[in-house]
């Protein structure tokens, strides 16, 4: 018998480097180590093992969007979370009020909606929490439908962090515009300011990509004009739209070198602007506190 075994005998197959119980005659074309079919991935040349694929992802520079976010084809995360939070807040107000259409009577709604005189007296959480309250089911459904459609496009282009920043600053921009330019005899609520901010962001992104923006312009125009014939806050919508659009423009126009620094500076500038608006209006209301209180008492929700 030949020293290497019987004539015609096959040599023992090597085993997968990641699974010692799986014999295989396949090899990675990059590192030449044996690997089972489960551990191999198609490549431009041959097949690469899991370790080589992971190493390639770490070393290869990934494509980035206009604002510097990594290109991702995965599911969006922040948009559905925001929708869930708005729906949850609405459900709580419906449970408290016992009515899906008159939920503004609930204690949560009263405590979190934007009421200028109470906000100026120190209840500053209202400028943020009001963005999660809605006057009835139709108000909620309209805002969430637009958020679902527009939010996905903007989040994929801007990434989770930048998208979140634009959303919440647009929300605060809507509150600031209504608070600063509006009257004290009002109760404001809704995600409309933030949603308009996302439409402003999408307008800038598509314009930069040289895509057709006519649909966005028409939708925004119709919504703003309709505000003149409804109780919706035109100031809140405009404030969110302007902040969302300008902030996105600053992020898009930021030079590639030191991009993050420029974008952080734009965010800080927006925060300072909104903070000054809130402070100036609060000081004005405080100066005329007695008159303001008398006016607000006659129109404050029961």
Protein backbone atom coordinates (compact mmCIF):
# COMPACT_ATOMS: atom_id res chain seq x y z
CA UNK A 1 0.00 0.00 0.00
CA UNK A 2 1.41 3.44 -0.85
CA UNK A 3 2.50 5.48 2.17
CA UNK A 4 -0.15 8.13 1.47
CA UNK A 5 -3.04 5.64 1.52
CA UNK A 6 -4.80 3.48 -1.06
CA UNK A 7 -4.49 4.41 -4.69
CA UNK A 8 -7.37 6.76 -5.66
CA UNK A 9 -8.15 7.78 -2.06
CA UNK A 10 -9.19 11.43 -1.55
CA UNK A 11 -7.26 13.56 0.98
CA UNK A 12 -9.21 14.62 4.06
CA UNK A 13 -11.17 17.86 3.39
CA UNK A 14 -10.17 20.93 5.45
CA UNK A 15 -12.73 22.45 7.81
CA UNK A 16 -14.25 25.93 7.86
CA UNK A 17 -12.16 28.37 9.90
CA UNK A 18 -15.30 29.54 11.71
CA UNK A 19 -17.06 26.17 12.01
CA UNK A 20 -14.70 23.32 12.91
CA UNK A 21 -17.43 20.72 12.36
CA UNK A 22 -17.99 21.62 8.70
CA UNK A 23 -15.60 20.11 6.12
CA UNK A 24 -15.31 22.24 3.01
CA UNK A 25 -13.24 22.52 -0.14
CA UNK A 26 -14.25 26.15 -0.70
CA UNK A 27 -11.80 28.94 0.06
CA UNK A 28 -11.88 32.71 0.39
CA UNK A 29 -10.30 34.26 -2.70
CA UNK A 30 -8.83 37.03 -0.55
CA UNK A 31 -7.19 35.22 2.39
CA UNK A 32 -7.26 31.66 0.92
CA UNK A 33 -8.63 30.16 4.12
CA UNK A 34 -11.21 27.36 3.93
CA UNK A 35 -14.79 28.50 4.57
CA UNK A 36 -18.22 26.90 4.36
CA UNK A 37 -20.90 28.32 2.03
CA UNK A 38 -22.59 30.10 4.95
CA UNK A 39 -19.40 32.06 5.69
CA UNK A 40 -18.75 33.14 2.11
CA UNK A 41 -20.17 36.20 0.36
CA UNK A 42 -20.17 37.02 -3.34
CA UNK A 43 -17.53 39.59 -4.30
CA UNK A 44 -16.52 41.30 -7.53
CA UNK A 45 -13.82 38.62 -7.85
CA UNK A 46 -14.63 35.23 -6.36
CA UNK A 47 -16.05 34.90 -2.85
CA UNK A 48 -14.87 36.49 0.40
CA UNK A 49 -15.20 35.11 3.91
CA UNK A 50 -17.03 36.96 6.68
CA UNK A 51 -13.80 38.20 8.27
CA UNK A 52 -12.53 39.67 5.01
CA UNK A 53 -15.89 41.32 4.32
CA UNK A 54 -15.90 42.95 7.77
CA UNK A 55 -12.31 44.09 7.33
CA UNK A 56 -13.18 45.60 3.97
CA UNK A 57 -16.08 47.55 5.49
CA UNK A 58 -13.74 49.04 8.08
CA UNK A 59 -11.12 50.09 5.56
CA UNK A 60 -13.25 51.16 2.60
CA UNK A 61 -14.58 54.71 2.78
CA UNK A 62 -18.38 54.64 2.65
CA UNK A 63 -20.38 56.95 0.41
CA UNK A 64 -21.93 60.00 2.07
CA UNK A 65 -24.95 62.17 1.37
CA UNK A 66 -25.08 65.90 0.72
CA UNK A 67 -24.92 66.71 4.44
CA UNK A 68 -22.22 64.18 5.29
CA UNK A 69 -24.32 61.29 6.59
CA UNK A 70 -23.38 57.75 5.59
CA UNK A 71 -25.52 56.41 2.76
CA UNK A 72 -27.86 53.76 4.14
CA UNK A 73 -30.50 51.63 2.47
CA UNK A 74 -31.81 50.25 5.75
CA UNK A 75 -35.05 51.05 7.50
CA UNK A 76 -35.56 54.48 8.97
CA UNK A 77 -35.78 54.55 12.76
CA UNK A 78 -36.47 58.07 14.03
CA UNK A 79 -39.53 58.72 11.85
CA UNK A 80 -41.59 55.77 13.15
CA UNK A 81 -40.50 56.55 16.72
CA UNK A 82 -41.79 60.12 16.37
CA UNK A 83 -45.05 58.87 14.90
CA UNK A 84 -45.44 56.39 17.77
CA UNK A 85 -44.84 59.13 20.36
CA UNK A 86 -47.45 61.40 18.79
CA UNK A 87 -50.00 58.59 18.57
CA UNK A 88 -49.30 57.55 22.17
CA UNK A 89 -49.80 61.12 23.41
CA UNK A 90 -53.07 61.33 21.49
CA UNK A 91 -54.33 58.03 22.93
CA UNK A 92 -53.63 59.27 26.46
CA UNK A 93 -55.58 62.50 25.85
CA UNK A 94 -58.48 60.54 24.37
CA UNK A 95 -58.52 58.22 27.38
CA UNK A 96 -58.53 61.17 29.78
CA UNK A 97 -61.15 63.20 27.92
CA UNK A 98 -63.32 60.29 26.81
CA UNK A 99 -63.57 61.76 23.32
CA UNK A 100 -61.42 61.22 20.18
CA UNK A 101 -62.39 64.62 18.76
CA UNK A 102 -62.58 66.78 21.90
CA UNK A 103 -59.39 65.47 23.49
CA UNK A 104 -58.20 69.04 24.17
CA UNK A 105 -60.26 68.86 27.37
CA UNK A 106 -57.84 66.31 28.88
CA UNK A 107 -55.53 67.29 31.71
CA UNK A 108 -52.44 66.23 29.75
CA UNK A 109 -53.41 68.42 26.79
CA UNK A 110 -54.06 71.42 29.03
CA UNK A 111 -50.76 70.95 30.84
CA UNK A 112 -48.60 70.52 27.72
CA UNK A 113 -50.12 72.64 24.91
CA UNK A 114 -48.57 76.04 24.15
CA UNK A 115 -50.45 78.73 26.10
CA UNK A 116 -48.37 81.94 25.82
CA UNK A 117 -49.10 83.56 29.18
CA UNK A 118 -48.45 80.35 31.13
CA UNK A 119 -45.30 79.69 29.11
CA UNK A 120 -43.98 83.16 29.85
CA UNK A 121 -44.60 82.54 33.56
CA UNK A 122 -42.09 79.70 33.55
CA UNK A 123 -43.85 76.69 32.02
CA UNK A 124 -41.25 76.43 29.26
CA UNK A 125 -41.76 72.73 28.63
CA UNK A 126 -44.84 73.73 26.62
CA UNK A 127 -42.72 74.97 23.69
CA UNK A 128 -41.63 71.35 23.13
CA UNK A 129 -44.47 69.20 24.46
CA UNK A 130 -47.07 71.10 22.45
CA UNK A 131 -45.55 69.52 19.35
CA UNK A 132 -46.88 66.13 20.44
CA UNK A 133 -50.45 67.23 21.14
CA UNK A 134 -53.17 67.28 18.47
CA UNK A 135 -56.69 68.69 18.27
CA UNK A 136 -58.65 65.56 17.38
CA UNK A 137 -58.09 62.55 15.14
CA UNK A 138 -58.08 64.40 11.81
CA UNK A 139 -55.37 66.81 12.96
CA UNK A 140 -53.23 63.87 14.09
CA UNK A 141 -53.84 61.80 10.96
CA UNK A 142 -52.90 64.63 8.57
CA UNK A 143 -49.67 65.46 10.37
CA UNK A 144 -48.62 61.82 10.76
CA UNK A 145 -49.33 61.04 7.11
CA UNK A 146 -47.04 63.86 5.97
CA UNK A 147 -44.43 62.93 8.58
CA UNK A 148 -44.45 59.32 7.35
CA UNK A 149 -43.96 60.28 3.71
CA UNK A 150 -41.56 63.22 4.04
CA UNK A 151 -39.74 61.96 7.12
CA UNK A 152 -38.44 58.83 5.40
CA UNK A 153 -36.83 60.81 2.56
CA UNK A 154 -35.26 63.39 4.85
CA UNK A 155 -34.02 60.87 7.42
CA UNK A 156 -32.28 58.73 4.79
CA UNK A 157 -30.58 61.80 3.35
CA UNK A 158 -29.61 63.46 6.63
CA UNK A 159 -29.02 60.49 8.91
CA UNK A 160 -30.55 59.92 12.32
CA UNK A 161 -28.74 62.66 14.27
CA UNK A 162 -29.09 65.52 11.78
CA UNK A 163 -32.68 64.54 11.05
CA UNK A 164 -33.55 64.64 14.76
CA UNK A 165 -31.87 68.04 15.16
CA UNK A 166 -33.77 69.53 12.21
CA UNK A 167 -37.07 68.06 13.40
CA UNK A 168 -36.89 69.36 16.95
CA UNK A 169 -35.45 72.77 16.04
CA UNK A 170 -38.21 73.17 13.43
CA UNK A 171 -40.72 72.26 16.15
CA UNK A 172 -39.21 74.92 18.41
CA UNK A 173 -39.11 77.33 15.47
CA UNK A 174 -42.85 76.96 15.03
CA UNK A 175 -43.41 77.53 18.74
CA UNK A 176 -41.09 80.56 18.75
CA UNK A 177 -42.82 82.21 15.79
CA UNK A 178 -46.28 81.71 17.29
CA UNK A 179 -45.09 82.78 20.74
CA UNK A 180 -43.17 85.86 19.59
CA UNK A 181 -45.47 87.19 16.85
CA UNK A 182 -48.81 85.78 17.97
CA UNK A 183 -51.33 86.90 20.56
CA UNK A 184 -51.64 85.64 24.12
CA UNK A 185 -55.23 84.55 23.51
CA UNK A 186 -54.35 81.29 21.81
CA UNK A 187 -53.73 77.64 22.54
CA UNK A 188 -51.36 75.96 20.13
CA UNK A 189 -50.63 72.29 19.60
CA UNK A 190 -49.54 69.91 16.86
CA UNK A 191 -46.50 68.62 15.02
CA UNK A 192 -47.23 70.92 12.08
CA UNK A 193 -44.25 73.19 12.74
CA UNK A 194 -41.86 70.24 12.73
CA UNK A 195 -43.55 68.68 9.69
CA UNK A 196 -43.32 71.95 7.77
CA UNK A 197 -39.67 72.09 8.81
CA UNK A 198 -39.11 68.69 7.21
CA UNK A 199 -40.84 69.88 4.04
CA UNK A 200 -38.50 72.85 4.01
CA UNK A 201 -35.57 70.48 4.46
CA UNK A 202 -36.77 68.22 1.63
CA UNK A 203 -37.20 71.25 -0.62
CA UNK A 204 -33.56 72.25 -0.06
CA UNK A 205 -32.27 68.68 -0.49
CA UNK A 206 -34.16 68.07 -3.73
CA UNK A 207 -33.23 71.48 -5.08
CA UNK A 208 -29.57 70.71 -4.41
CA UNK A 209 -29.96 67.34 -6.14
CA UNK A 210 -31.64 69.09 -9.09
CA UNK A 211 -34.81 67.09 -8.64
CA UNK A 212 -38.31 68.36 -9.42
CA UNK A 213 -39.51 70.39 -6.44
CA UNK A 214 -42.83 71.51 -7.92
CA UNK A 215 -44.82 68.97 -5.88
CA UNK A 216 -43.34 70.19 -2.60
CA UNK A 217 -43.91 73.83 -3.51
CA UNK A 218 -47.56 73.15 -4.38
CA UNK A 219 -48.20 71.15 -1.18
CA UNK A 220 -46.58 73.79 1.02
CA UNK A 221 -48.41 76.60 -0.80
CA UNK A 222 -51.82 74.91 -0.48
CA UNK A 223 -51.28 74.26 3.21
CA UNK A 224 -50.17 77.82 3.95
CA UNK A 225 -53.07 79.35 2.02
CA UNK A 226 -55.56 77.04 3.74
CA UNK A 227 -54.30 78.36 7.09
CA UNK A 228 -55.97 81.66 6.26
CA UNK A 229 -59.39 79.98 6.34
CA UNK A 230 -58.90 77.68 9.35
CA UNK A 231 -57.85 77.95 12.97
CA UNK A 232 -54.41 76.51 12.15
CA UNK A 233 -51.41 78.59 13.17
CA UNK A 234 -49.92 80.18 10.07
CA UNK A 235 -47.10 81.61 12.20
CA UNK A 236 -46.26 78.19 13.62
CA UNK A 237 -46.15 76.62 10.18
CA UNK A 238 -44.01 79.41 8.73
CA UNK A 239 -41.64 79.34 11.69
CA UNK A 240 -41.04 75.61 11.36
CA UNK A 241 -40.65 75.83 7.59
CA UNK A 242 -38.10 78.65 7.76
CA UNK A 243 -35.99 77.06 10.52
CA UNK A 244 -36.04 73.61 8.89
CA UNK A 245 -35.17 75.00 5.48
CA UNK A 246 -32.42 77.38 6.61
CA UNK A 247 -30.81 74.83 8.90
CA UNK A 248 -30.76 72.24 6.13
CA UNK A 249 -29.36 74.82 3.72
CA UNK A 250 -26.54 75.55 6.16
CA UNK A 251 -25.79 71.83 6.48
CA UNK A 252 -25.82 71.31 2.72
CA UNK A 253 -23.63 74.34 1.99
CA UNK A 254 -21.10 73.54 4.71
CA UNK A 255 -17.65 72.97 3.15
CA UNK A 256 -16.49 69.36 3.16
CA UNK A 257 -13.45 70.34 5.19
CA UNK A 258 -14.55 70.93 8.79
CA UNK A 259 -18.12 70.11 7.74
CA UNK A 260 -19.17 68.96 11.20
CA UNK A 261 -17.83 72.15 12.80
CA UNK A 262 -19.80 74.36 10.42
CA UNK A 263 -22.95 72.33 10.95
CA UNK A 264 -22.62 72.49 14.74
CA UNK A 265 -22.16 76.27 14.45
CA UNK A 266 -25.36 76.50 12.39
CA UNK A 267 -27.27 74.53 15.01
CA UNK A 268 -25.92 76.71 17.81
CA UNK A 269 -26.89 79.85 15.88
CA UNK A 270 -30.44 78.52 15.44
CA UNK A 271 -30.70 77.67 19.14
CA UNK A 272 -29.48 81.15 20.13
CA UNK A 273 -31.93 82.84 17.75
CA UNK A 274 -34.88 80.87 19.09
CA UNK A 275 -33.75 81.41 22.68
CA UNK A 276 -33.59 85.18 22.14
CA UNK A 277 -37.08 85.19 20.64
CA UNK A 278 -38.52 83.31 23.61
CA UNK A 279 -36.69 85.53 26.10
CA UNK A 280 -37.71 88.84 24.49
CA UNK A 281 -41.35 87.85 24.23
CA UNK A 282 -41.40 86.58 27.82
CA UNK A 283 -39.92 89.86 29.03
CA UNK A 284 -42.54 91.79 27.08
CA UNK A 285 -45.37 89.73 28.55
CA UNK A 286 -43.90 90.10 32.02
CA UNK A 287 -43.79 93.89 31.66
CA UNK A 288 -47.51 93.96 30.90
CA UNK A 289 -48.35 91.06 33.20
CA UNK A 290 -51.57 92.49 34.63
CA UNK A 291 -53.07 93.38 31.27
CA UNK A 292 -51.93 90.10 29.75
CA UNK A 293 -53.42 88.10 32.62
CA UNK A 294 -56.76 89.86 32.25
CA UNK A 295 -56.86 89.17 28.50
CA UNK A 296 -55.66 85.59 28.80
CA UNK A 297 -58.15 84.73 31.54
CA UNK A 298 -61.07 85.49 29.22
CA UNK A 299 -59.85 83.15 26.48
CA UNK A 300 -57.87 80.46 28.32
CA UNK A 301 -59.31 76.95 27.78
CA UNK A 302 -61.36 75.61 30.68
